[in-house]
Structures are given as C-alpha cells and as structure tokens.
Amino acid sequence: MEKKELPEMLRKYFWDCSFEGLRLAQYPIFISERILNLGDMDSLRWLFSKIDKEFLIDLVNKSRNLNKKTKNYLKLMLC
C-alpha cells in the first residue's frame, strides 16, 4: 500500500472528513469500505490496483459497514 495522498477523483467519497489527511497505508479499511460502497468503476479500478486481493476478501467477510448488495457482489467476484 502506498503512503501517498489519495487521487483527487476520490475526494467526492470522503466529504465528511479531512481528505488531505487520508492515506491508504494508515486507513486501508475505512478507505476500502467507502470506495466499495459508493465508488464508480474508476475508483474501484484504482482500489483493486492498490489493495491486495486477500485483504479485500477478508474485509468483505468481516466488515459490518459494507451494504448487503455490495457484500454479495464482491463475494461472487472475489472468491
């Protein structure tokens, strides 16, 4: 995972927090859940290129913050 700032295209998903302070290396679960729940195809492609598949599988299985449709879809796509 990178220590750089998130790309500007993701700002719209983090309206409720300090976007400049978000780092994927520091908050991988929060950032991943938000993008998985709300993201478009470009943001999902970015996430999948930055996060390990095993991390995402574990996140989908354990997360309480992903909505049911997202969880079901990702279980089919990742497993």
Protein backbone atom coordinates (compact mmCIF):
# COMPACT_ATOMS: atom_id res chain seq x y z
CA MET A 1 0.00 0.00 0.00
CA GLU A 2 1.19 3.48 -0.79
CA LYS A 3 1.87 6.33 1.61
CA LYS A 4 0.87 8.97 -0.96
CA GLU A 5 -2.27 11.01 -0.89
CA LEU A 6 -5.40 9.63 -2.48
CA PRO A 7 -6.16 10.69 -6.06
CA GLU A 8 -8.37 13.75 -6.44
CA MET A 9 -11.10 11.68 -8.13
CA LEU A 10 -11.83 10.07 -4.73
CA ARG A 11 -12.50 13.35 -2.89
CA LYS A 12 -16.26 13.12 -3.50
CA TYR A 13 -16.46 9.92 -1.41
CA PHE A 14 -14.84 11.50 1.64
CA TRP A 15 -16.93 14.66 2.05
CA ASP A 16 -17.23 14.15 5.79
CA CYS A 17 -13.55 14.02 6.72
CA SER A 18 -10.23 15.70 6.00
CA PHE A 19 -9.40 14.35 2.55
CA GLU A 20 -5.84 15.70 2.61
CA GLY A 21 -5.10 13.68 5.75
CA LEU A 22 -6.21 10.33 4.36
CA ARG A 23 -3.53 7.81 3.47
CA LEU A 24 -4.27 4.32 2.25
CA ALA A 25 -1.44 2.92 4.37
CA GLN A 26 -2.98 4.44 7.53
CA TYR A 27 -6.69 3.78 6.90
CA PRO A 28 -7.00 0.84 4.48
CA ILE A 29 -10.25 -0.49 5.93
CA PHE A 30 -12.08 2.86 6.10
CA ILE A 31 -10.99 3.90 2.60
CA SER A 32 -11.72 0.49 1.08
CA GLU A 33 -15.18 0.24 2.61
CA ARG A 34 -16.12 3.72 1.46
CA ILE A 35 -14.96 3.09 -2.11
CA LEU A 36 -16.56 -0.37 -2.27
CA ASN A 37 -19.90 1.00 -1.08
CA LEU A 38 -20.00 4.25 -3.03
CA GLY A 39 -17.35 4.11 -5.74
CA ASP A 40 -17.69 4.19 -9.50
CA MET A 41 -15.73 1.95 -11.88
CA ASP A 42 -12.68 4.24 -11.99
CA SER A 43 -12.40 4.39 -8.21
CA LEU A 44 -12.88 0.62 -7.93
CA ARG A 45 -10.15 0.02 -10.51
CA TRP A 46 -7.85 2.29 -8.54
CA LEU A 47 -8.63 0.43 -5.30
CA PHE A 48 -8.14 -3.00 -6.85
CA SER A 49 -4.76 -1.90 -8.22
CA LYS A 50 -3.61 -0.71 -4.78
CA ILE A 51 -5.05 -3.28 -2.37
CA ASP A 52 -4.20 -6.96 -2.13
CA LYS A 53 -7.00 -9.34 -3.17
CA GLU A 54 -6.65 -11.33 0.07
CA PHE A 55 -7.14 -8.14 2.10
CA LEU A 56 -10.35 -7.38 0.18
CA ILE A 57 -11.68 -10.93 0.65
CA ASP A 58 -11.03 -10.70 4.39
CA LEU A 59 -12.62 -7.25 4.51
CA VAL A 60 -15.76 -8.43 2.72
CA ASN A 61 -16.12 -11.36 5.09
CA LYS A 62 -15.63 -9.32 8.28
CA SER A 63 -16.95 -5.83 7.54
CA ARG A 64 -20.10 -4.53 9.17
CA ASN A 65 -20.01 -1.33 7.12
CA LEU A 66 -20.49 -2.78 3.64
CA ASN A 67 -24.08 -2.90 2.48
CA LYS A 68 -25.59 -6.32 1.70
CA LYS A 69 -25.66 -5.86 -2.07
CA THR A 70 -22.02 -4.83 -2.14
CA LYS A 71 -21.01 -7.76 0.05
CA ASN A 72 -22.89 -10.29 -2.07
CA TYR A 73 -21.48 -8.90 -5.31
CA LEU A 74 -17.91 -8.85 -4.02
CA LYS A 75 -18.17 -12.37 -2.62
CA LEU A 76 -19.13 -13.57 -6.10
CA MET A 77 -16.42 -11.53 -7.84
CA LEU A 78 -13.50 -12.10 -5.47
CA CYS A 79 -13.97 -15.69 -4.34
